[in-house]
Amino acid sequence: MIIIGIDPGYAIVGVGVVEYKGNKFKTLEYGAITTPAGMPTVDRLKKIYTEMAAYLIKYDPDAVAIEELFFNSNQKTAINVAQARGVLLVTAANANIPIYEYTPLQVKQSVTGYGRADKGQIQQMVKMILGLNVIPKPDDAADALALAICHAHSSKMNNILGTNTVR
């Protein structure tokens, strides 16, 4: 199964692509889609759409795992991130790829076994689980890989339990 994990953002969208086969992970690619601060909103959203569509074409994933938004105290930032997240959802939906949403708590528990894990702990576990030599950079890419790992673990449990309740 090929999974694309997405850490939604407006300036930086984290992307992590993994293959999960027989309880083993293989990292295919990770990085970020970035948009510069001075770029008009519509152009930033279009860039996010175009680059995510290219990832989906390149890897033809079985699933997209994306982080659910939590509310930020900065309303403008929250709205911009929500718009970018909407674009990412539409991009995957247009490609007919199943979308699975996870809260930060679900990701932390799945990757570290501890729902209050900090960013450093998550990054170290991503590095270890995927057998990487270094912690993925930028941080958004590590978060995206954590989302992909979370989905792999969740889909495995659903197969064991005979359920399909991830969403």
N, C-alpha and C. Protein backbone atom coordinates (compact mmCIF):
# COMPACT_ATOMS: atom_id res chain seq x y z
N MET A 1 0.84 -1.17 0.00
CA MET A 1 0.00 0.00 0.00
C MET A 1 0.89 1.24 0.00
N ILE A 2 0.59 2.17 -0.88
CA ILE A 2 1.31 3.44 -0.92
C ILE A 2 0.42 4.50 -0.27
N ILE A 3 1.02 5.22 0.67
CA ILE A 3 0.29 6.24 1.44
C ILE A 3 1.03 7.57 1.31
N ILE A 4 0.26 8.61 1.02
CA ILE A 4 0.81 9.97 1.06
C ILE A 4 0.26 10.65 2.31
N GLY A 5 1.17 11.04 3.19
CA GLY A 5 0.80 11.81 4.37
C GLY A 5 0.94 13.28 4.05
N ILE A 6 -0.02 14.06 4.54
CA ILE A 6 -0.02 15.50 4.27
C ILE A 6 -0.20 16.26 5.57
N ASP A 7 0.75 17.15 5.84
CA ASP A 7 0.63 18.10 6.95
C ASP A 7 0.22 19.43 6.32
N PRO A 8 -1.08 19.78 6.40
CA PRO A 8 -1.55 20.96 5.67
C PRO A 8 -0.98 22.26 6.22
N GLY A 9 -0.74 23.17 5.34
CA GLY A 9 -0.26 24.49 5.69
C GLY A 9 -0.49 25.43 4.53
N TYR A 10 -0.22 26.68 4.76
CA TYR A 10 -0.40 27.70 3.73
C TYR A 10 0.95 28.09 3.14
N ALA A 11 1.93 28.32 4.00
CA ALA A 11 3.28 28.63 3.54
C ALA A 11 4.06 27.35 3.26
N ILE A 12 3.82 26.32 4.08
CA ILE A 12 4.52 25.04 3.93
C ILE A 12 3.53 23.90 4.09
N VAL A 13 3.45 23.05 3.08
CA VAL A 13 2.66 21.82 3.14
C VAL A 13 3.67 20.68 3.23
N GLY A 14 3.63 19.93 4.33
CA GLY A 14 4.51 18.78 4.45
C GLY A 14 3.95 17.61 3.66
N VAL A 15 4.83 16.90 2.96
CA VAL A 15 4.42 15.74 2.17
C VAL A 15 5.36 14.58 2.47
N GLY A 16 4.78 13.41 2.74
CA GLY A 16 5.58 12.22 2.98
C GLY A 16 4.95 11.04 2.27
N VAL A 17 5.74 10.32 1.50
CA VAL A 17 5.23 9.19 0.73
C VAL A 17 5.92 7.93 1.21
N VAL A 18 5.12 6.96 1.65
CA VAL A 18 5.68 5.69 2.11
C VAL A 18 4.95 4.53 1.44
N GLU A 19 5.68 3.43 1.37
CA GLU A 19 5.07 2.17 0.96
C GLU A 19 5.05 1.28 2.20
N TYR A 20 3.92 0.66 2.44
CA TYR A 20 3.78 -0.21 3.61
C TYR A 20 3.37 -1.58 3.11
N LYS A 21 4.26 -2.55 3.28
CA LYS A 21 4.03 -3.89 2.78
C LYS A 21 4.50 -4.89 3.81
N GLY A 22 3.64 -5.82 4.18
CA GLY A 22 4.04 -6.88 5.10
C GLY A 22 4.68 -6.38 6.38
N ASN A 23 4.12 -5.34 6.97
CA ASN A 23 4.62 -4.79 8.23
C ASN A 23 5.93 -4.01 8.08
N LYS A 24 6.34 -3.72 6.86
CA LYS A 24 7.59 -2.99 6.64
C LYS A 24 7.30 -1.70 5.87
N PHE A 25 8.05 -0.68 6.27
CA PHE A 25 7.93 0.62 5.62
C PHE A 25 9.10 0.85 4.68
N LYS A 26 8.80 1.52 3.58
CA LYS A 26 9.84 1.99 2.67
C LYS A 26 9.49 3.45 2.37
N THR A 27 10.44 4.34 2.65
CA THR A 27 10.23 5.76 2.36
C THR A 27 10.48 5.99 0.88
N LEU A 28 9.48 6.54 0.19
CA LEU A 28 9.62 6.81 -1.24
C LEU A 28 10.07 8.24 -1.50
N GLU A 29 9.54 9.17 -0.71
CA GLU A 29 9.91 10.59 -0.89
C GLU A 29 9.32 11.39 0.26
N TYR A 30 9.97 12.48 0.58
CA TYR A 30 9.39 13.44 1.53
C TYR A 30 9.94 14.82 1.19
N GLY A 31 9.15 15.82 1.56
CA GLY A 31 9.55 17.19 1.30
C GLY A 31 8.42 18.13 1.62
N ALA A 32 8.39 19.25 0.94
CA ALA A 32 7.38 20.26 1.23
C ALA A 32 7.01 21.02 -0.03
N ILE A 33 5.78 21.44 -0.06
CA ILE A 33 5.30 22.39 -1.06
C ILE A 33 5.34 23.73 -0.36
N THR A 34 6.08 24.68 -0.90
CA THR A 34 6.20 25.98 -0.26
C THR A 34 5.64 27.09 -1.14
N THR A 35 5.08 28.08 -0.48
CA THR A 35 4.58 29.26 -1.19
C THR A 35 5.13 30.50 -0.50
N PRO A 36 5.66 31.44 -1.25
CA PRO A 36 6.24 32.64 -0.65
C PRO A 36 5.20 33.61 -0.10
N ALA A 37 5.58 34.31 0.94
CA ALA A 37 4.67 35.23 1.64
C ALA A 37 4.06 36.30 0.74
N GLY A 38 4.79 36.82 -0.21
CA GLY A 38 4.27 37.92 -1.03
C GLY A 38 3.34 37.48 -2.16
N MET A 39 3.23 36.19 -2.39
CA MET A 39 2.42 35.67 -3.49
C MET A 39 0.93 35.85 -3.16
N PRO A 40 0.12 36.27 -4.14
CA PRO A 40 -1.32 36.40 -3.90
C PRO A 40 -1.94 35.06 -3.48
N THR A 41 -2.96 35.14 -2.63
CA THR A 41 -3.60 33.94 -2.08
C THR A 41 -4.00 32.95 -3.16
N VAL A 42 -4.67 33.40 -4.18
CA VAL A 42 -5.16 32.47 -5.21
C VAL A 42 -3.98 31.76 -5.90
N ASP A 43 -2.88 32.46 -6.09
CA ASP A 43 -1.70 31.84 -6.72
C ASP A 43 -1.06 30.82 -5.78
N ARG A 44 -1.07 31.13 -4.49
CA ARG A 44 -0.53 30.17 -3.52
C ARG A 44 -1.37 28.89 -3.51
N LEU A 45 -2.68 29.05 -3.50
CA LEU A 45 -3.57 27.89 -3.49
C LEU A 45 -3.44 27.08 -4.78
N LYS A 46 -3.29 27.77 -5.89
CA LYS A 46 -3.11 27.08 -7.17
C LYS A 46 -1.79 26.29 -7.18
N LYS A 47 -0.74 26.85 -6.62
CA LYS A 47 0.55 26.16 -6.54
C LYS A 47 0.44 24.90 -5.69
N ILE A 48 -0.25 25.01 -4.57
CA ILE A 48 -0.47 23.86 -3.69
C ILE A 48 -1.23 22.78 -4.46
N TYR A 49 -2.29 23.17 -5.17
CA TYR A 49 -3.08 22.21 -5.95
C TYR A 49 -2.22 21.53 -7.01
N THR A 50 -1.49 22.32 -7.78
CA THR A 50 -0.70 21.78 -8.89
C THR A 50 0.39 20.83 -8.39
N GLU A 51 1.09 21.22 -7.35
CA GLU A 51 2.17 20.37 -6.85
C GLU A 51 1.65 19.10 -6.18
N MET A 52 0.53 19.21 -5.47
CA MET A 52 -0.04 18.00 -4.86
C MET A 52 -0.57 17.06 -5.95
N ALA A 53 -1.18 17.62 -6.97
CA ALA A 53 -1.66 16.79 -8.08
C ALA A 53 -0.49 16.02 -8.72
N ALA A 54 0.66 16.66 -8.82
CA ALA A 54 1.84 15.99 -9.39
C ALA A 54 2.28 14.83 -8.50
N TYR A 55 2.26 15.00 -7.18
CA TYR A 55 2.57 13.88 -6.27
C TYR A 55 1.60 12.72 -6.48
N LEU A 56 0.32 13.04 -6.60
CA LEU A 56 -0.70 12.01 -6.75
C LEU A 56 -0.54 11.26 -8.06
N ILE A 57 -0.18 11.96 -9.11
CA ILE A 57 0.06 11.31 -10.41
C ILE A 57 1.31 10.45 -10.33
N LYS A 58 2.36 10.98 -9.75
CA LYS A 58 3.64 10.27 -9.67
C LYS A 58 3.53 8.96 -8.89
N TYR A 59 2.82 8.98 -7.76
CA TYR A 59 2.80 7.82 -6.86
C TYR A 59 1.52 6.99 -6.91
N ASP A 60 0.44 7.52 -7.45
CA ASP A 60 -0.84 6.82 -7.51
C ASP A 60 -1.12 6.10 -6.18
N PRO A 61 -1.22 6.86 -5.08
CA PRO A 61 -1.34 6.23 -3.76
C PRO A 61 -2.68 5.52 -3.56
N ASP A 62 -2.65 4.60 -2.60
CA ASP A 62 -3.87 3.89 -2.20
C ASP A 62 -4.66 4.71 -1.19
N ALA A 63 -3.97 5.65 -0.52
CA ALA A 63 -4.63 6.46 0.49
C ALA A 63 -3.87 7.76 0.70
N VAL A 64 -4.62 8.76 1.11
CA VAL A 64 -4.05 10.03 1.56
C VAL A 64 -4.44 10.18 3.03
N ALA A 65 -3.44 10.44 3.88
CA ALA A 65 -3.67 10.68 5.30
C ALA A 65 -3.36 12.15 5.56
N ILE A 66 -4.33 12.88 6.06
CA ILE A 66 -4.16 14.31 6.28
C ILE A 66 -4.55 14.68 7.70
N GLU A 67 -3.85 15.65 8.25
CA GLU A 67 -4.13 16.07 9.62
C GLU A 67 -5.39 16.91 9.68
N GLU A 68 -6.22 16.63 10.68
CA GLU A 68 -7.37 17.48 10.94
C GLU A 68 -6.85 18.78 11.53
N LEU A 69 -7.54 19.86 11.25
CA LEU A 69 -7.11 21.16 11.76
C LEU A 69 -7.53 21.33 13.20
N PHE A 70 -6.68 21.98 13.95
CA PHE A 70 -7.07 22.43 15.28
C PHE A 70 -7.04 23.94 15.21
N PHE A 71 -7.87 24.60 15.99
CA PHE A 71 -7.99 26.04 15.87
C PHE A 71 -6.82 26.77 16.47
N ASN A 72 -6.37 27.73 15.75
CA ASN A 72 -5.23 28.56 16.13
C ASN A 72 -5.77 29.88 16.66
N SER A 73 -5.02 30.52 17.51
CA SER A 73 -5.48 31.80 18.04
C SER A 73 -5.41 32.90 16.99
N ASN A 74 -4.58 32.71 15.97
CA ASN A 74 -4.48 33.69 14.90
C ASN A 74 -5.51 33.35 13.82
N GLN A 75 -6.59 34.12 13.77
CA GLN A 75 -7.70 33.84 12.88
C GLN A 75 -7.30 33.86 11.40
N LYS A 76 -6.48 34.82 11.01
CA LYS A 76 -6.06 34.91 9.60
C LYS A 76 -5.26 33.67 9.19
N THR A 77 -4.36 33.24 10.05
CA THR A 77 -3.58 32.04 9.76
C THR A 77 -4.49 30.82 9.66
N ALA A 78 -5.44 30.69 10.59
CA ALA A 78 -6.36 29.56 10.58
C ALA A 78 -7.17 29.51 9.30
N ILE A 79 -7.63 30.66 8.84
CA ILE A 79 -8.42 30.71 7.60
C ILE A 79 -7.56 30.31 6.41
N ASN A 80 -6.35 30.84 6.33
CA ASN A 80 -5.46 30.49 5.22
C ASN A 80 -5.13 29.01 5.20
N VAL A 81 -4.83 28.43 6.36
CA VAL A 81 -4.52 27.00 6.44
C VAL A 81 -5.75 26.18 6.06
N ALA A 82 -6.92 26.61 6.51
CA ALA A 82 -8.16 25.91 6.17
C ALA A 82 -8.40 25.93 4.66
N GLN A 83 -8.12 27.07 4.02
CA GLN A 83 -8.27 27.14 2.57
C GLN A 83 -7.31 26.18 1.88
N ALA A 84 -6.07 26.15 2.33
CA ALA A 84 -5.07 25.26 1.73
C ALA A 84 -5.47 23.80 1.96
N ARG A 85 -5.96 23.49 3.15
CA ARG A 85 -6.39 22.13 3.45
C ARG A 85 -7.55 21.72 2.53
N GLY A 86 -8.48 22.65 2.29
CA GLY A 86 -9.59 22.38 1.38
C GLY A 86 -9.09 22.07 -0.02
N VAL A 87 -8.11 22.82 -0.48
CA VAL A 87 -7.51 22.58 -1.80
C VAL A 87 -6.89 21.18 -1.84
N LEU A 88 -6.19 20.80 -0.78
CA LEU A 88 -5.55 19.48 -0.71
C LEU A 88 -6.60 18.37 -0.74
N LEU A 89 -7.70 18.55 -0.02
CA LEU A 89 -8.77 17.56 -0.02
C LEU A 89 -9.39 17.42 -1.41
N VAL A 90 -9.65 18.54 -2.06
CA VAL A 90 -10.23 18.50 -3.40
C VAL A 90 -9.27 17.85 -4.40
N THR A 91 -7.99 18.12 -4.25
CA THR A 91 -7.01 17.52 -5.15
C THR A 91 -7.06 15.99 -5.05
N ALA A 92 -7.07 15.47 -3.83
CA ALA A 92 -7.15 14.01 -3.65
C ALA A 92 -8.50 13.46 -4.10
N ALA A 93 -9.58 14.18 -3.79
CA ALA A 93 -10.91 13.74 -4.20
C ALA A 93 -11.03 13.69 -5.72
N ASN A 94 -10.49 14.70 -6.40
CA ASN A 94 -10.52 14.71 -7.87
C ASN A 94 -9.76 13.53 -8.47
N ALA A 95 -8.75 13.04 -7.75
CA ALA A 95 -7.96 11.90 -8.22
C ALA A 95 -8.57 10.57 -7.75
N ASN A 96 -9.72 10.64 -7.09
CA ASN A 96 -10.43 9.45 -6.59
C ASN A 96 -9.58 8.62 -5.63
N ILE A 97 -8.83 9.30 -4.78
CA ILE A 97 -8.00 8.62 -3.78
C ILE A 97 -8.70 8.75 -2.43
N PRO A 98 -8.85 7.63 -1.73
CA PRO A 98 -9.49 7.70 -0.40
C PRO A 98 -8.70 8.61 0.54
N ILE A 99 -9.44 9.41 1.31
CA ILE A 99 -8.86 10.38 2.23
C ILE A 99 -9.19 9.96 3.66
N TYR A 100 -8.17 9.95 4.50
CA TYR A 100 -8.33 9.59 5.91
C TYR A 100 -7.77 10.74 6.75
N GLU A 101 -8.55 11.16 7.73
CA GLU A 101 -8.18 12.32 8.54
C GLU A 101 -7.84 11.86 9.96
N TYR A 102 -6.76 12.43 10.50
CA TYR A 102 -6.29 12.06 11.83
C TYR A 102 -6.02 13.31 12.65
N THR A 103 -6.35 13.23 13.92
CA THR A 103 -6.05 14.33 14.83
C THR A 103 -4.58 14.24 15.24
N PRO A 104 -4.02 15.33 15.72
CA PRO A 104 -2.64 15.27 16.23
C PRO A 104 -2.48 14.21 17.34
N LEU A 105 -3.48 14.07 18.19
CA LEU A 105 -3.43 13.08 19.26
C LEU A 105 -3.34 11.66 18.69
N GLN A 106 -4.14 11.36 17.67
CA GLN A 106 -4.10 10.03 17.05
C GLN A 106 -2.72 9.75 16.45
N VAL A 107 -2.14 10.75 15.81
CA VAL A 107 -0.82 10.58 15.20
C VAL A 107 0.22 10.32 16.28
N LYS A 108 0.22 11.13 17.31
CA LYS A 108 1.19 10.96 18.40
C LYS A 108 1.08 9.58 19.03
N GLN A 109 -0.14 9.13 19.30
CA GLN A 109 -0.33 7.81 19.92
C GLN A 109 0.13 6.70 18.98
N SER A 110 -0.17 6.83 17.72
CA SER A 110 0.19 5.79 16.75
C SER A 110 1.69 5.68 16.56
N VAL A 111 2.37 6.82 16.51
CA VAL A 111 3.80 6.83 16.20
C VAL A 111 4.67 6.60 17.44
N THR A 112 4.26 7.18 18.57
CA THR A 112 5.10 7.09 19.78
C THR A 112 4.50 6.24 20.88
N GLY A 113 3.19 5.99 20.81
CA GLY A 113 2.51 5.28 21.88
C GLY A 113 2.11 6.20 23.02
N TYR A 114 2.33 7.50 22.85
CA TYR A 114 2.06 8.47 23.90
C TYR A 114 1.40 9.70 23.28
N GLY A 115 0.17 9.99 23.71
CA GLY A 115 -0.61 11.09 23.13
C GLY A 115 -0.10 12.48 23.42
N ARG A 116 0.83 12.61 24.39
CA ARG A 116 1.38 13.94 24.70
C ARG A 116 2.83 14.06 24.26
N ALA A 117 3.24 13.22 23.33
CA ALA A 117 4.62 13.27 22.83
C ALA A 117 4.90 14.65 22.23
N ASP A 118 6.14 15.10 22.38
CA ASP A 118 6.51 16.39 21.77
C ASP A 118 7.06 16.15 20.37
N LYS A 119 7.26 17.24 19.68
CA LYS A 119 7.71 17.18 18.28
C LYS A 119 9.01 16.38 18.13
N GLY A 120 9.95 16.58 19.03
CA GLY A 120 11.23 15.88 18.97
C GLY A 120 11.06 14.37 19.09
N GLN A 121 10.17 13.94 19.99
CA GLN A 121 9.92 12.51 20.17
C GLN A 121 9.30 11.91 18.91
N ILE A 122 8.37 12.63 18.32
CA ILE A 122 7.72 12.16 17.09
C ILE A 122 8.76 12.04 15.97
N GLN A 123 9.58 13.06 15.82
CA GLN A 123 10.60 13.05 14.76
C GLN A 123 11.58 11.90 14.94
N GLN A 124 11.99 11.63 16.17
CA GLN A 124 12.91 10.51 16.42
C GLN A 124 12.26 9.18 16.07
N MET A 125 10.98 9.02 16.40
CA MET A 125 10.28 7.78 16.09
C MET A 125 10.07 7.62 14.59
N VAL A 126 9.78 8.71 13.89
CA VAL A 126 9.64 8.65 12.43
C VAL A 126 10.96 8.17 11.83
N LYS A 127 12.05 8.75 12.28
CA LYS A 127 13.38 8.36 11.80
C LYS A 127 13.61 6.86 12.05
N MET A 128 13.29 6.40 13.24
CA MET A 128 13.53 5.01 13.61
C MET A 128 12.61 4.05 12.84
N ILE A 129 11.32 4.35 12.82
CA ILE A 129 10.36 3.47 12.15
C ILE A 129 10.69 3.32 10.67
N LEU A 130 11.09 4.42 10.05
CA LEU A 130 11.38 4.39 8.61
C LEU A 130 12.82 4.03 8.28
N GLY A 131 13.65 3.85 9.30
CA GLY A 131 15.04 3.47 9.09
C GLY A 131 15.85 4.54 8.37
N LEU A 132 15.57 5.80 8.70
CA LEU A 132 16.27 6.91 8.06
C LEU A 132 17.54 7.25 8.84
N ASN A 133 18.52 7.82 8.15
CA ASN A 133 19.77 8.21 8.80
C ASN A 133 19.65 9.52 9.56
N VAL A 134 18.72 10.37 9.12
CA VAL A 134 18.53 11.68 9.74
C VAL A 134 17.04 11.94 9.92
N ILE A 135 16.74 12.87 10.81
CA ILE A 135 15.35 13.31 10.97
C ILE A 135 14.95 14.09 9.72
N PRO A 136 13.81 13.75 9.13
CA PRO A 136 13.38 14.45 7.91
C PRO A 136 13.18 15.94 8.16
N LYS A 137 13.62 16.73 7.21
CA LYS A 137 13.44 18.18 7.25
C LYS A 137 12.72 18.61 5.99
N PRO A 138 11.92 19.64 6.00
CA PRO A 138 11.55 20.43 7.16
C PRO A 138 10.68 19.63 8.13
N ASP A 139 10.39 20.21 9.30
CA ASP A 139 9.56 19.55 10.31
C ASP A 139 8.22 19.12 9.72
N ASP A 140 7.70 19.89 8.79
CA ASP A 140 6.41 19.57 8.17
C ASP A 140 6.47 18.25 7.42
N ALA A 141 7.62 17.93 6.83
CA ALA A 141 7.79 16.66 6.12
C ALA A 141 7.80 15.51 7.11
N ALA A 142 8.45 15.70 8.26
CA ALA A 142 8.44 14.67 9.31
C ALA A 142 7.01 14.45 9.81
N ASP A 143 6.26 15.52 9.97
CA ASP A 143 4.86 15.41 10.40
C ASP A 143 4.04 14.65 9.36
N ALA A 144 4.29 14.92 8.08
CA ALA A 144 3.57 14.22 7.01
C ALA A 144 3.90 12.73 7.02
N LEU A 145 5.16 12.39 7.22
CA LEU A 145 5.55 10.98 7.31
C LEU A 145 4.88 10.33 8.52
N ALA A 146 4.77 11.05 9.63
CA ALA A 146 4.09 10.53 10.82
C ALA A 146 2.62 10.23 10.50
N LEU A 147 1.99 11.08 9.72
CA LEU A 147 0.60 10.84 9.31
C LEU A 147 0.49 9.57 8.46
N ALA A 148 1.43 9.37 7.56
CA ALA A 148 1.43 8.16 6.72
C ALA A 148 1.61 6.92 7.60
N ILE A 149 2.52 6.99 8.57
CA ILE A 149 2.74 5.86 9.49
C ILE A 149 1.46 5.59 10.29
N CYS A 150 0.84 6.65 10.78
CA CYS A 150 -0.40 6.53 11.54
C CYS A 150 -1.45 5.80 10.71
N HIS A 151 -1.59 6.17 9.45
CA HIS A 151 -2.59 5.51 8.61
C HIS A 151 -2.24 4.03 8.40
N ALA A 152 -0.98 3.73 8.18
CA ALA A 152 -0.57 2.34 8.00
C ALA A 152 -0.94 1.52 9.23
N HIS A 153 -0.64 2.06 10.41
CA HIS A 153 -0.97 1.36 11.66
C HIS A 153 -2.48 1.23 11.82
N SER A 154 -3.23 2.28 11.49
CA SER A 154 -4.68 2.26 11.63
C SER A 154 -5.32 1.29 10.64
N SER A 155 -4.84 1.27 9.41
CA SER A 155 -5.42 0.37 8.42
C SER A 155 -5.11 -1.08 8.76
N LYS A 156 -3.93 -1.32 9.35
CA LYS A 156 -3.58 -2.68 9.77
C LYS A 156 -4.53 -3.15 10.87
N MET A 157 -4.79 -2.29 11.84
CA MET A 157 -5.71 -2.64 12.92
C MET A 157 -7.11 -2.88 12.38
N ASN A 158 -7.55 -2.08 11.43
CA ASN A 158 -8.88 -2.28 10.85
C ASN A 158 -8.96 -3.61 10.12
N ASN A 159 -7.87 -4.02 9.46
CA ASN A 159 -7.86 -5.31 8.78
C ASN A 159 -7.92 -6.45 9.80
N ILE A 160 -7.18 -6.30 10.90
CA ILE A 160 -7.18 -7.33 11.95
C ILE A 160 -8.56 -7.44 12.58
N LEU A 161 -9.18 -6.29 12.86
CA LEU A 161 -10.49 -6.28 13.52
C LEU A 161 -11.64 -6.49 12.55
N GLY A 162 -11.35 -6.45 11.26
CA GLY A 162 -12.41 -6.61 10.26
C GLY A 162 -13.32 -5.40 10.15
N THR A 163 -12.78 -4.24 10.49
CA THR A 163 -13.58 -3.02 10.41
C THR A 163 -12.94 -2.04 9.45
N ASN A 164 -13.70 -1.07 9.08
CA ASN A 164 -13.18 -0.02 8.20
C ASN A 164 -13.69 1.31 8.73
N THR A 165 -13.28 1.64 9.95
CA THR A 165 -13.84 2.80 10.63
C THR A 165 -12.93 4.02 10.62
N VAL A 166 -11.80 3.93 9.96
CA VAL A 166 -10.89 5.08 9.94
C VAL A 166 -11.49 6.15 9.07
N ARG A 167 -11.57 7.36 9.63
CA ARG A 167 -12.05 8.51 8.86
C ARG A 167 -12.09 9.70 9.74
